[in-house]
Amino acid sequence: MSYSYRQPMFANAEQVGQAAALRHGDLEQEDRQTVNQIIHSGDPNPHKFGHNPFADSTKSYDPKAQEALDRIASKYGK
């Protein structure tokens, strides 16, 4: 799943925690990148390793981030 540069998505603390729990395990590269972007969405420099479509200093809930987390959790049976 790829995200458009012009379509910002945000993640709140609960979503970041969910992503952190999913990060441990054998994930495909794209899925690992997605959870890492969610985890680092509230960092002072969330774009440190390239554009982070989940970046948001307000750390708001985003349904698209949740869709990605749900998809990844389902894919790996978590």
PDB file of N, CA and C in Angstrom:
ATOM      1  N   MET A   1       0.849  -1.163   0.000  1.00  0.00           N
ATOM      2  CA  MET A   1       0.000   0.000   0.000  1.00  0.00           C
ATOM      3  C   MET A   1       0.892   1.221   0.000  1.00  0.00           C
ATOM      4  N   SER A   2       0.664   2.113  -0.913  1.00  0.00           N
ATOM      5  CA  SER A   2       1.445   3.331  -0.938  1.00  0.00           C
ATOM      6  C   SER A   2       0.528   4.509  -0.672  1.00  0.00           C
ATOM      7  N   TYR A   3       1.110   5.589  -0.211  1.00  0.00           N
ATOM      8  CA  TYR A   3       0.338   6.758   0.151  1.00  0.00           C
ATOM      9  C   TYR A   3       0.829   7.952  -0.634  1.00  0.00           C
ATOM     10  N   SER A   4      -0.102   8.794  -1.020  1.00  0.00           N
ATOM     11  CA  SER A   4       0.220   9.991  -1.768  1.00  0.00           C
ATOM     12  C   SER A   4       0.893  11.013  -0.862  1.00  0.00           C
ATOM     13  N   TYR A   5       1.858  11.707  -1.390  1.00  0.00           N
ATOM     14  CA  TYR A   5       2.552  12.757  -0.638  1.00  0.00           C
ATOM     15  C   TYR A   5       1.572  13.823  -0.171  1.00  0.00           C
ATOM     16  N   ARG A   6       0.541  14.090  -0.962  1.00  0.00           N
ATOM     17  CA  ARG A   6      -0.415  15.144  -0.638  1.00  0.00           C
ATOM     18  C   ARG A   6      -1.551  14.654   0.259  1.00  0.00           C
ATOM     19  N   GLN A   7      -1.498  13.425   0.695  1.00  0.00           N
ATOM     20  CA  GLN A   7      -2.543  12.889   1.558  1.00  0.00           C
ATOM     21  C   GLN A   7      -1.952  12.596   2.929  1.00  0.00           C
ATOM     22  N   PRO A   8      -1.875  13.622   3.784  1.00  0.00           N
ATOM     23  CA  PRO A   8      -1.281  13.384   5.098  1.00  0.00           C
ATOM     24  C   PRO A   8      -2.163  12.502   5.961  1.00  0.00           C
ATOM     25  N   MET A   9      -1.547  11.656   6.742  1.00  0.00           N
ATOM     26  CA  MET A   9      -2.251  10.804   7.678  1.00  0.00           C
ATOM     27  C   MET A   9      -1.548  10.925   9.015  1.00  0.00           C
ATOM     28  N   PHE A  10      -2.300  10.834  10.064  1.00  0.00           N
ATOM     29  CA  PHE A  10      -1.753  11.058  11.387  1.00  0.00           C
ATOM     30  C   PHE A  10      -1.997   9.835  12.255  1.00  0.00           C
ATOM     31  N   ALA A  11      -1.297   9.746  13.352  1.00  0.00           N
ATOM     32  CA  ALA A  11      -1.469   8.621  14.270  1.00  0.00           C
ATOM     33  C   ALA A  11      -1.445   9.124  15.703  1.00  0.00           C
ATOM     34  N   ASN A  12      -2.343   8.592  16.521  1.00  0.00           N
ATOM     35  CA  ASN A  12      -2.347   8.969  17.934  1.00  0.00           C
ATOM     36  C   ASN A  12      -1.533   7.959  18.733  1.00  0.00           C
ATOM     37  N   ALA A  13      -1.450   8.161  20.049  1.00  0.00           N
ATOM     38  CA  ALA A  13      -0.614   7.308  20.904  1.00  0.00           C
ATOM     39  C   ALA A  13      -1.045   5.843  20.857  1.00  0.00           C
ATOM     40  N   GLU A  14      -2.345   5.593  20.824  1.00  0.00           N
ATOM     41  CA  GLU A  14      -2.827   4.214  20.769  1.00  0.00           C
ATOM     42  C   GLU A  14      -2.394   3.533  19.460  1.00  0.00           C
ATOM     43  N   GLN A  15      -2.489   4.259  18.369  1.00  0.00           N
ATOM     44  CA  GLN A  15      -2.073   3.709  17.083  1.00  0.00           C
ATOM     45  C   GLN A  15      -0.563   3.477  17.046  1.00  0.00           C
ATOM     46  N   VAL A  16       0.202   4.364  17.641  1.00  0.00           N
ATOM     47  CA  VAL A  16       1.650   4.190  17.710  1.00  0.00           C
ATOM     48  C   VAL A  16       1.984   2.929  18.506  1.00  0.00           C
ATOM     49  N   GLY A  17       1.284   2.726  19.617  1.00  0.00           N
ATOM     50  CA  GLY A  17       1.495   1.517  20.413  1.00  0.00           C
ATOM     51  C   GLY A  17       1.137   0.259  19.662  1.00  0.00           C
ATOM     52  N   GLN A  18       0.052   0.312  18.924  1.00  0.00           N
ATOM     53  CA  GLN A  18      -0.363  -0.828  18.113  1.00  0.00           C
ATOM     54  C   GLN A  18       0.693  -1.131  17.047  1.00  0.00           C
ATOM     55  N   ALA A  19       1.218  -0.090  16.422  1.00  0.00           N
ATOM     56  CA  ALA A  19       2.256  -0.271  15.409  1.00  0.00           C
ATOM     57  C   ALA A  19       3.519  -0.868  16.024  1.00  0.00           C
ATOM     58  N   ALA A  20       3.866  -0.417  17.228  1.00  0.00           N
ATOM     59  CA  ALA A  20       5.058  -0.939  17.895  1.00  0.00           C
ATOM     60  C   ALA A  20       4.906  -2.426  18.189  1.00  0.00           C
ATOM     61  N   ALA A  21       3.719  -2.842  18.585  1.00  0.00           N
ATOM     62  CA  ALA A  21       3.476  -4.262  18.857  1.00  0.00           C
ATOM     63  C   ALA A  21       3.567  -5.084  17.575  1.00  0.00           C
ATOM     64  N   LEU A  22       3.118  -4.514  16.469  1.00  0.00           N
ATOM     65  CA  LEU A  22       3.168  -5.225  15.188  1.00  0.00           C
ATOM     66  C   LEU A  22       4.576  -5.286  14.616  1.00  0.00           C
ATOM     67  N   ARG A  23       5.402  -4.326  14.981  1.00  0.00           N
ATOM     68  CA  ARG A  23       6.743  -4.233  14.397  1.00  0.00           C
ATOM     69  C   ARG A  23       7.604  -5.448  14.718  1.00  0.00           C
ATOM     70  N   HIS A  24       7.357  -6.085  15.850  1.00  0.00           N
ATOM     71  CA  HIS A  24       8.147  -7.243  16.243  1.00  0.00           C
ATOM     72  C   HIS A  24       7.627  -8.467  15.514  1.00  0.00           C
ATOM     73  N   GLY A  25       8.443  -9.012  14.686  1.00  0.00           N
ATOM     74  CA  GLY A  25       8.053 -10.182  13.918  1.00  0.00           C
ATOM     75  C   GLY A  25       8.577 -10.093  12.502  1.00  0.00           C
ATOM     76  N   ASP A  26       8.212 -11.069  11.736  1.00  0.00           N
ATOM     77  CA  ASP A  26       8.694 -11.175  10.360  1.00  0.00           C
ATOM     78  C   ASP A  26       7.697 -10.487   9.431  1.00  0.00           C
ATOM     79  N   LEU A  27       7.916  -9.194   9.174  1.00  0.00           N
ATOM     80  CA  LEU A  27       7.039  -8.421   8.304  1.00  0.00           C
ATOM     81  C   LEU A  27       7.687  -8.212   6.952  1.00  0.00           C
ATOM     82  N   GLU A  28       6.871  -8.100   5.930  1.00  0.00           N
ATOM     83  CA  GLU A  28       7.375  -7.717   4.621  1.00  0.00           C
ATOM     84  C   GLU A  28       7.879  -6.277   4.715  1.00  0.00           C
ATOM     85  N   GLN A  29       8.787  -5.916   3.847  1.00  0.00           N
ATOM     86  CA  GLN A  29       9.431  -4.598   3.876  1.00  0.00           C
ATOM     87  C   GLN A  29       8.410  -3.463   3.881  1.00  0.00           C
ATOM     88  N   GLU A  30       7.407  -3.524   3.027  1.00  0.00           N
ATOM     89  CA  GLU A  30       6.424  -2.450   2.943  1.00  0.00           C
ATOM     90  C   GLU A  30       5.621  -2.316   4.239  1.00  0.00           C
ATOM     91  N   ASP A  31       5.262  -3.445   4.841  1.00  0.00           N
ATOM     92  CA  ASP A  31       4.516  -3.425   6.097  1.00  0.00           C
ATOM     93  C   ASP A  31       5.388  -2.890   7.234  1.00  0.00           C
ATOM     94  N   ARG A  32       6.641  -3.292   7.270  1.00  0.00           N
ATOM     95  CA  ARG A  32       7.565  -2.784   8.292  1.00  0.00           C
ATOM     96  C   ARG A  32       7.743  -1.278   8.140  1.00  0.00           C
ATOM     97  N   GLN A  33       7.848  -0.807   6.917  1.00  0.00           N
ATOM     98  CA  GLN A  33       7.993   0.625   6.678  1.00  0.00           C
ATOM     99  C   GLN A  33       6.751   1.377   7.173  1.00  0.00           C
ATOM    100  N   THR A  34       5.576   0.825   6.912  1.00  0.00           N
ATOM    101  CA  THR A  34       4.342   1.465   7.352  1.00  0.00           C
ATOM    102  C   THR A  34       4.283   1.578   8.870  1.00  0.00           C
ATOM    103  N   VAL A  35       4.564   0.488   9.585  1.00  0.00           N
ATOM    104  CA  VAL A  35       4.499   0.562  11.048  1.00  0.00           C
ATOM    105  C   VAL A  35       5.592   1.483  11.593  1.00  0.00           C
ATOM    106  N   ASN A  36       6.757   1.487  10.988  1.00  0.00           N
ATOM    107  CA  ASN A  36       7.811   2.400  11.430  1.00  0.00           C
ATOM    108  C   ASN A  36       7.405   3.860  11.215  1.00  0.00           C
ATOM    109  N   GLN A  37       6.746   4.146  10.095  1.00  0.00           N
ATOM    110  CA  GLN A  37       6.296   5.510   9.845  1.00  0.00           C
ATOM    111  C   GLN A  37       5.253   5.927  10.881  1.00  0.00           C
ATOM    112  N   ILE A  38       4.364   5.017  11.247  1.00  0.00           N
ATOM    113  CA  ILE A  38       3.358   5.328  12.258  1.00  0.00           C
ATOM    114  C   ILE A  38       4.039   5.568  13.610  1.00  0.00           C
ATOM    115  N   ILE A  39       4.979   4.712  13.955  1.00  0.00           N
ATOM    116  CA  ILE A  39       5.691   4.853  15.232  1.00  0.00           C
ATOM    117  C   ILE A  39       6.411   6.194  15.316  1.00  0.00           C
ATOM    118  N   HIS A  40       7.007   6.629  14.239  1.00  0.00           N
ATOM    119  CA  HIS A  40       7.803   7.856  14.242  1.00  0.00           C
ATOM    120  C   HIS A  40       7.030   9.080  13.759  1.00  0.00           C
ATOM    121  N   SER A  41       5.713   8.958  13.642  1.00  0.00           N
ATOM    122  CA  SER A  41       4.891  10.054  13.119  1.00  0.00           C
ATOM    123  C   SER A  41       4.943  11.305  13.991  1.00  0.00           C
ATOM    124  N   GLY A  42       5.170  11.156  15.277  1.00  0.00           N
ATOM    125  CA  GLY A  42       5.206  12.310  16.174  1.00  0.00           C
ATOM    126  C   GLY A  42       6.596  12.751  16.561  1.00  0.00           C
ATOM    127  N   ASP A  43       7.612  12.187  15.934  1.00  0.00           N
ATOM    128  CA  ASP A  43       8.995  12.575  16.229  1.00  0.00           C
ATOM    129  C   ASP A  43       9.226  14.047  15.887  1.00  0.00           C
ATOM    130  N   PRO A  44      10.207  14.672  16.524  1.00  0.00           N
ATOM    131  CA  PRO A  44      10.535  16.062  16.173  1.00  0.00           C
ATOM    132  C   PRO A  44      10.874  16.216  14.690  1.00  0.00           C
ATOM    133  N   ASN A  45      11.490  15.207  14.096  1.00  0.00           N
ATOM    134  CA  ASN A  45      11.785  15.217  12.663  1.00  0.00           C
ATOM    135  C   ASN A  45      11.286  13.903  12.065  1.00  0.00           C
ATOM    136  N   PRO A  46       9.978  13.783  11.821  1.00  0.00           N
ATOM    137  CA  PRO A  46       9.438  12.531  11.315  1.00  0.00           C
ATOM    138  C   PRO A  46       9.882  12.197   9.891  1.00  0.00           C
ATOM    139  N   HIS A  47      10.456  13.159   9.194  1.00  0.00           N
ATOM    140  CA  HIS A  47      10.901  12.948   7.814  1.00  0.00           C
ATOM    141  C   HIS A  47      12.402  12.671   7.729  1.00  0.00           C
ATOM    142  N   LYS A  48      12.997  12.311   8.843  1.00  0.00           N
ATOM    143  CA  LYS A  48      14.448  12.096   8.904  1.00  0.00           C
ATOM    144  C   LYS A  48      14.934  11.082   7.863  1.00  0.00           C
ATOM    145  N   PHE A  49      14.159  10.053   7.617  1.00  0.00           N
ATOM    146  CA  PHE A  49      14.566   9.009   6.673  1.00  0.00           C
ATOM    147  C   PHE A  49      13.726   9.032   5.403  1.00  0.00           C
ATOM    148  N   GLY A  50      13.184  10.182   5.049  1.00  0.00           N
ATOM    149  CA  GLY A  50      12.334  10.318   3.875  1.00  0.00           C
ATOM    150  C   GLY A  50      10.950  10.769   4.288  1.00  0.00           C
ATOM    151  N   HIS A  51      10.118  11.067   3.323  1.00  0.00           N
ATOM    152  CA  HIS A  51       8.776  11.576   3.618  1.00  0.00           C
ATOM    153  C   HIS A  51       7.980  10.570   4.445  1.00  0.00           C
ATOM    154  N   ASN A  52       7.416  11.026   5.545  1.00  0.00           N
ATOM    155  CA  ASN A  52       6.576  10.196   6.399  1.00  0.00           C
ATOM    156  C   ASN A  52       5.131  10.666   6.245  1.00  0.00           C
ATOM    157  N   PRO A  53       4.301   9.894   5.545  1.00  0.00           N
ATOM    158  CA  PRO A  53       2.921  10.325   5.308  1.00  0.00           C
ATOM    159  C   PRO A  53       2.067  10.368   6.566  1.00  0.00           C
ATOM    160  N   PHE A  54       2.546   9.813   7.666  1.00  0.00           N
ATOM    161  CA  PHE A  54       1.797   9.813   8.919  1.00  0.00           C
ATOM    162  C   PHE A  54       2.210  10.961   9.842  1.00  0.00           C
ATOM    163  N   ALA A  55       3.161  11.770   9.438  1.00  0.00           N
ATOM    164  CA  ALA A  55       3.710  12.830  10.291  1.00  0.00           C
ATOM    165  C   ALA A  55       2.639  13.829  10.710  1.00  0.00           C
ATOM    166  N   ASP A  56       2.604  14.120  12.012  1.00  0.00           N
ATOM    167  CA  ASP A  56       1.689  15.119  12.542  1.00  0.00           C
ATOM    168  C   ASP A  56       2.090  15.456  13.964  1.00  0.00           C
ATOM    169  N   SER A  57       2.371  16.712  14.209  1.00  0.00           N
ATOM    170  CA  SER A  57       2.796  17.113  15.548  1.00  0.00           C
ATOM    171  C   SER A  57       1.650  17.082  16.555  1.00  0.00           C
ATOM    172  N   THR A  58       0.387  17.072  16.097  1.00  0.00           N
ATOM    173  CA  THR A  58      -0.743  17.024  17.026  1.00  0.00           C
ATOM    174  C   THR A  58      -1.067  15.597  17.456  1.00  0.00           C
ATOM    175  N   LYS A  59      -0.489  14.627  16.774  1.00  0.00           N
ATOM    176  CA  LYS A  59      -0.671  13.207  17.117  1.00  0.00           C
ATOM    177  C   LYS A  59      -2.151  12.830  17.191  1.00  0.00           C
ATOM    178  N   SER A  60      -2.876  13.190  16.156  1.00  0.00           N
ATOM    179  CA  SER A  60      -4.309  12.937  16.072  1.00  0.00           C
ATOM    180  C   SER A  60      -4.607  11.550  15.525  1.00  0.00           C
ATOM    181  N   TYR A  61      -5.795  11.047  15.846  1.00  0.00           N
ATOM    182  CA  TYR A  61      -6.254   9.765  15.316  1.00  0.00           C
ATOM    183  C   TYR A  61      -6.497   9.903  13.822  1.00  0.00           C
ATOM    184  N   ASP A  62      -6.141   8.856  13.068  1.00  0.00           N
ATOM    185  CA  ASP A  62      -6.412   8.859  11.638  1.00  0.00           C
ATOM    186  C   ASP A  62      -6.986   7.527  11.223  1.00  0.00           C
ATOM    187  N   PRO A  63      -8.148   7.529  10.604  1.00  0.00           N
ATOM    188  CA  PRO A  63      -8.765   6.275  10.191  1.00  0.00           C
ATOM    189  C   PRO A  63      -7.950   5.520   9.140  1.00  0.00           C
ATOM    190  N   LYS A  64      -7.226   6.228   8.282  1.00  0.00           N
ATOM    191  CA  LYS A  64      -6.412   5.537   7.266  1.00  0.00           C
ATOM    192  C   LYS A  64      -5.227   4.827   7.907  1.00  0.00           C
ATOM    193  N   ALA A  65      -4.651   5.425   8.934  1.00  0.00           N
ATOM    194  CA  ALA A  65      -3.577   4.751   9.657  1.00  0.00           C
ATOM    195  C   ALA A  65      -4.137   3.502  10.334  1.00  0.00           C
ATOM    196  N   GLN A  66      -5.352   3.614  10.881  1.00  0.00           N
ATOM    197  CA  GLN A  66      -5.968   2.461  11.529  1.00  0.00           C
ATOM    198  C   GLN A  66      -6.264   1.360  10.523  1.00  0.00           C
ATOM    199  N   GLU A  67      -6.698   1.743   9.336  1.00  0.00           N
ATOM    200  CA  GLU A  67      -6.932   0.749   8.276  1.00  0.00           C
ATOM    201  C   GLU A  67      -5.644  -0.008   7.960  1.00  0.00           C
ATOM    202  N   ALA A  68      -4.542   0.715   7.874  1.00  0.00           N
ATOM    203  CA  ALA A  68      -3.244   0.081   7.593  1.00  0.00           C
ATOM    204  C   ALA A  68      -2.860  -0.864   8.727  1.00  0.00           C
ATOM    205  N   LEU A  69      -3.055  -0.428   9.969  1.00  0.00           N
ATOM    206  CA  LEU A  69      -2.727  -1.272  11.120  1.00  0.00           C
ATOM    207  C   LEU A  69      -3.605  -2.522  11.152  1.00  0.00           C
ATOM    208  N   ASP A  70      -4.882  -2.361  10.902  1.00  0.00           N
ATOM    209  CA  ASP A  70      -5.799  -3.499  10.890  1.00  0.00           C
ATOM    210  C   ASP A  70      -5.443  -4.486   9.783  1.00  0.00           C
ATOM    211  N   ARG A  71      -5.082  -3.949   8.623  1.00  0.00           N
ATOM    212  CA  ARG A  71      -4.709  -4.802   7.493  1.00  0.00           C
ATOM    213  C   ARG A  71      -3.454  -5.616   7.826  1.00  0.00           C
ATOM    214  N   ILE A  72      -2.464  -4.954   8.411  1.00  0.00           N
ATOM    215  CA  ILE A  72      -1.213  -5.626   8.748  1.00  0.00           C
ATOM    216  C   ILE A  72      -1.455  -6.661   9.847  1.00  0.00           C
ATOM    217  N   ALA A  73      -2.228  -6.307  10.860  1.00  0.00           N
ATOM    218  CA  ALA A  73      -2.522  -7.238  11.951  1.00  0.00           C
ATOM    219  C   ALA A  73      -3.244  -8.471  11.413  1.00  0.00           C
ATOM    220  N   SER A  74      -4.184  -8.264  10.536  1.00  0.00           N
ATOM    221  CA  SER A  74      -4.929  -9.383   9.950  1.00  0.00           C
ATOM    222  C   SER A  74      -4.031 -10.262   9.077  1.00  0.00           C
ATOM    223  N   LYS A  75      -3.184  -9.619   8.323  1.00  0.00           N
ATOM    224  CA  LYS A  75      -2.286 -10.320   7.395  1.00  0.00           C
ATOM    225  C   LYS A  75      -1.356 -11.283   8.144  1.00  0.00           C
ATOM    226  N   TYR A  76      -0.921 -10.867   9.332  1.00  0.00           N
ATOM    227  CA  TYR A  76       0.028 -11.683  10.099  1.00  0.00           C
ATOM    228  C   TYR A  76      -0.612 -12.385  11.287  1.00  0.00           C
ATOM    229  N   GLY A  77      -1.941 -12.355  11.357  1.00  0.00           N
ATOM    230  CA  GLY A  77      -2.644 -13.068  12.413  1.00  0.00           C
ATOM    231  C   GLY A  77      -2.377 -12.525  13.802  1.00  0.00           C
ATOM    232  N   LYS A  78      -2.265 -11.214  13.919  1.00  0.00           N
ATOM    233  CA  LYS A  78      -1.973 -10.598  15.227  1.00  0.00           C
ATOM    234  C   LYS A  78      -3.162  -9.830  15.711  1.00  0.00           C
TER     235      LYS A  78
END
